[in-house]
Amino acid sequence: MAEALEYNLQIDGMHCGSCVRRVSQALSTTEGIQVGEVRIGGARISSASDAAVKTAVAAINQLGFTAHLEQ
């Protein structure tokens, strides 16, 4: 099994604690994702699967936010 890598996400459109809770819930229910931290404007996650990271980004975008990997 591959070693989990850490990823930082930039998430635009978050502005309150409710946004943080919604994103946290979406990430925590995404298979293959371990949540490190969720804050207004971003998140830190770990995963051994690129597909799981893409699924997590898509789940956040479905909430109405704009998420992408930080470069």
N, C-alpha and C. Protein backbone atom coordinates (compact mmCIF):
# COMPACT_ATOMS: atom_id res chain seq x y z
N MET A 1 0.84 -1.18 0.00
CA MET A 1 0.00 0.00 0.00
C MET A 1 0.89 1.25 0.00
N ALA A 2 0.50 2.23 -0.76
CA ALA A 2 1.29 3.46 -0.87
C ALA A 2 1.22 4.27 0.42
N GLU A 3 2.27 5.02 0.65
CA GLU A 3 2.32 5.89 1.83
C GLU A 3 1.44 7.12 1.60
N ALA A 4 0.73 7.53 2.63
CA ALA A 4 -0.13 8.71 2.52
C ALA A 4 0.73 9.97 2.37
N LEU A 5 0.33 10.82 1.46
CA LEU A 5 0.98 12.11 1.25
C LEU A 5 0.07 13.21 1.77
N GLU A 6 0.69 14.32 2.17
CA GLU A 6 -0.08 15.45 2.67
C GLU A 6 -0.35 16.43 1.54
N TYR A 7 -1.57 16.96 1.52
CA TYR A 7 -1.99 17.92 0.51
C TYR A 7 -2.59 19.14 1.20
N ASN A 8 -2.32 20.31 0.64
CA ASN A 8 -2.95 21.54 1.12
C ASN A 8 -3.93 22.01 0.06
N LEU A 9 -5.15 22.28 0.48
CA LEU A 9 -6.18 22.76 -0.42
C LEU A 9 -6.46 24.22 -0.15
N GLN A 10 -6.63 25.00 -1.20
CA GLN A 10 -7.14 26.35 -1.07
C GLN A 10 -8.62 26.27 -1.39
N ILE A 11 -9.44 26.84 -0.52
CA ILE A 11 -10.89 26.76 -0.69
C ILE A 11 -11.45 28.18 -0.64
N ASP A 12 -11.92 28.64 -1.79
CA ASP A 12 -12.50 29.98 -1.88
C ASP A 12 -13.99 29.92 -1.58
N GLY A 13 -14.49 30.98 -0.96
CA GLY A 13 -15.92 31.08 -0.67
C GLY A 13 -16.30 30.74 0.76
N MET A 14 -15.35 30.29 1.55
CA MET A 14 -15.64 30.00 2.97
C MET A 14 -15.55 31.31 3.75
N HIS A 15 -16.50 31.51 4.68
CA HIS A 15 -16.47 32.75 5.44
C HIS A 15 -16.89 32.62 6.90
N CYS A 16 -17.24 31.40 7.35
CA CYS A 16 -17.72 31.29 8.74
C CYS A 16 -17.51 29.86 9.26
N GLY A 17 -17.83 29.68 10.51
CA GLY A 17 -17.70 28.38 11.15
C GLY A 17 -18.60 27.33 10.53
N SER A 18 -19.75 27.73 10.04
CA SER A 18 -20.65 26.78 9.38
C SER A 18 -20.01 26.25 8.10
N CYS A 19 -19.31 27.11 7.38
CA CYS A 19 -18.60 26.68 6.17
C CYS A 19 -17.53 25.65 6.54
N VAL A 20 -16.80 25.92 7.60
CA VAL A 20 -15.75 25.00 8.06
C VAL A 20 -16.37 23.65 8.41
N ARG A 21 -17.50 23.65 9.10
CA ARG A 21 -18.17 22.39 9.48
C ARG A 21 -18.62 21.62 8.25
N ARG A 22 -19.20 22.30 7.27
CA ARG A 22 -19.68 21.64 6.06
C ARG A 22 -18.52 21.00 5.29
N VAL A 23 -17.42 21.74 5.15
CA VAL A 23 -16.26 21.20 4.44
C VAL A 23 -15.65 20.04 5.25
N SER A 24 -15.55 20.19 6.55
CA SER A 24 -15.01 19.12 7.40
C SER A 24 -15.82 17.84 7.24
N GLN A 25 -17.13 17.97 7.23
CA GLN A 25 -17.99 16.81 7.09
C GLN A 25 -17.80 16.15 5.72
N ALA A 26 -17.75 16.96 4.66
CA ALA A 26 -17.56 16.42 3.32
C ALA A 26 -16.23 15.67 3.21
N LEU A 27 -15.18 16.23 3.78
CA LEU A 27 -13.87 15.59 3.73
C LEU A 27 -13.84 14.31 4.57
N SER A 28 -14.41 14.36 5.75
CA SER A 28 -14.35 13.21 6.65
C SER A 28 -15.16 12.02 6.13
N THR A 29 -16.11 12.27 5.23
CA THR A 29 -16.90 11.17 4.67
C THR A 29 -16.37 10.71 3.31
N THR A 30 -15.26 11.29 2.86
CA THR A 30 -14.65 10.88 1.60
C THR A 30 -13.68 9.73 1.88
N GLU A 31 -13.96 8.58 1.27
CA GLU A 31 -13.13 7.39 1.49
C GLU A 31 -11.70 7.64 1.03
N GLY A 32 -10.76 7.27 1.89
CA GLY A 32 -9.34 7.40 1.56
C GLY A 32 -8.72 8.72 1.97
N ILE A 33 -9.49 9.59 2.62
CA ILE A 33 -9.01 10.91 3.04
C ILE A 33 -8.91 10.96 4.56
N GLN A 34 -7.78 11.43 5.05
CA GLN A 34 -7.61 11.73 6.47
C GLN A 34 -7.53 13.25 6.59
N VAL A 35 -8.36 13.81 7.45
CA VAL A 35 -8.43 15.26 7.60
C VAL A 35 -7.45 15.70 8.68
N GLY A 36 -6.56 16.62 8.31
CA GLY A 36 -5.63 17.18 9.28
C GLY A 36 -6.18 18.43 9.91
N GLU A 37 -6.62 19.36 9.07
CA GLU A 37 -7.12 20.65 9.58
C GLU A 37 -8.02 21.26 8.51
N VAL A 38 -9.11 21.86 8.96
CA VAL A 38 -9.95 22.65 8.07
C VAL A 38 -10.09 24.02 8.71
N ARG A 39 -9.85 25.07 7.93
CA ARG A 39 -9.95 26.44 8.41
C ARG A 39 -10.59 27.26 7.30
N ILE A 40 -11.00 28.45 7.63
CA ILE A 40 -11.56 29.33 6.61
C ILE A 40 -10.50 29.55 5.54
N GLY A 41 -10.83 29.18 4.31
CA GLY A 41 -9.92 29.39 3.20
C GLY A 41 -9.04 28.22 2.83
N GLY A 42 -9.08 27.14 3.63
CA GLY A 42 -8.20 26.04 3.27
C GLY A 42 -8.37 24.81 4.14
N ALA A 43 -7.65 23.76 3.74
CA ALA A 43 -7.66 22.51 4.49
C ALA A 43 -6.35 21.78 4.23
N ARG A 44 -5.99 20.94 5.19
CA ARG A 44 -4.82 20.06 5.06
C ARG A 44 -5.34 18.64 5.18
N ILE A 45 -5.08 17.82 4.18
CA ILE A 45 -5.54 16.44 4.18
C ILE A 45 -4.38 15.52 3.84
N SER A 46 -4.57 14.23 4.12
CA SER A 46 -3.60 13.21 3.74
C SER A 46 -4.33 12.11 3.02
N SER A 47 -3.65 11.51 2.04
CA SER A 47 -4.22 10.40 1.31
C SER A 47 -3.12 9.66 0.55
N ALA A 48 -3.32 8.37 0.37
CA ALA A 48 -2.41 7.58 -0.44
C ALA A 48 -2.93 7.44 -1.87
N SER A 49 -4.07 8.07 -2.14
CA SER A 49 -4.72 7.91 -3.44
C SER A 49 -4.99 9.26 -4.10
N ASP A 50 -4.44 9.46 -5.29
CA ASP A 50 -4.74 10.67 -6.05
C ASP A 50 -6.23 10.75 -6.38
N ALA A 51 -6.84 9.60 -6.64
CA ALA A 51 -8.27 9.58 -6.96
C ALA A 51 -9.10 10.07 -5.78
N ALA A 52 -8.70 9.70 -4.56
CA ALA A 52 -9.44 10.15 -3.37
C ALA A 52 -9.31 11.66 -3.21
N VAL A 53 -8.14 12.21 -3.50
CA VAL A 53 -7.94 13.66 -3.41
C VAL A 53 -8.84 14.37 -4.42
N LYS A 54 -8.91 13.85 -5.64
CA LYS A 54 -9.79 14.43 -6.66
C LYS A 54 -11.24 14.34 -6.23
N THR A 55 -11.64 13.24 -5.61
CA THR A 55 -13.00 13.07 -5.12
C THR A 55 -13.29 14.08 -4.01
N ALA A 56 -12.32 14.31 -3.12
CA ALA A 56 -12.49 15.27 -2.04
C ALA A 56 -12.67 16.68 -2.58
N VAL A 57 -11.86 17.06 -3.57
CA VAL A 57 -11.98 18.38 -4.19
C VAL A 57 -13.36 18.53 -4.83
N ALA A 58 -13.81 17.49 -5.53
CA ALA A 58 -15.13 17.53 -6.16
C ALA A 58 -16.24 17.66 -5.12
N ALA A 59 -16.11 16.98 -3.98
CA ALA A 59 -17.12 17.06 -2.92
C ALA A 59 -17.22 18.48 -2.37
N ILE A 60 -16.09 19.13 -2.20
CA ILE A 60 -16.08 20.52 -1.71
C ILE A 60 -16.72 21.44 -2.74
N ASN A 61 -16.37 21.23 -4.01
CA ASN A 61 -16.95 22.06 -5.07
C ASN A 61 -18.46 21.88 -5.16
N GLN A 62 -18.96 20.68 -4.89
CA GLN A 62 -20.40 20.43 -4.91
C GLN A 62 -21.12 21.21 -3.81
N LEU A 63 -20.40 21.56 -2.76
CA LEU A 63 -20.99 22.37 -1.68
C LEU A 63 -21.14 23.83 -2.09
N GLY A 64 -20.55 24.22 -3.22
CA GLY A 64 -20.62 25.61 -3.67
C GLY A 64 -19.36 26.41 -3.45
N PHE A 65 -18.31 25.76 -2.95
CA PHE A 65 -17.03 26.41 -2.77
C PHE A 65 -16.15 26.09 -3.99
N THR A 66 -15.02 26.76 -4.09
CA THR A 66 -14.07 26.47 -5.15
C THR A 66 -12.78 26.00 -4.50
N ALA A 67 -12.50 24.70 -4.68
CA ALA A 67 -11.32 24.09 -4.05
C ALA A 67 -10.32 23.66 -5.11
N HIS A 68 -9.04 23.84 -4.79
CA HIS A 68 -7.97 23.34 -5.64
C HIS A 68 -6.72 23.13 -4.81
N LEU A 69 -5.83 22.28 -5.31
CA LEU A 69 -4.57 22.03 -4.62
C LEU A 69 -3.70 23.27 -4.67
N GLU A 70 -3.07 23.59 -3.54
CA GLU A 70 -2.12 24.69 -3.51
C GLU A 70 -0.87 24.26 -4.24
N GLN A 71 -0.27 25.18 -4.96
CA GLN A 71 0.95 24.89 -5.71
C GLN A 71 2.16 25.23 -4.90
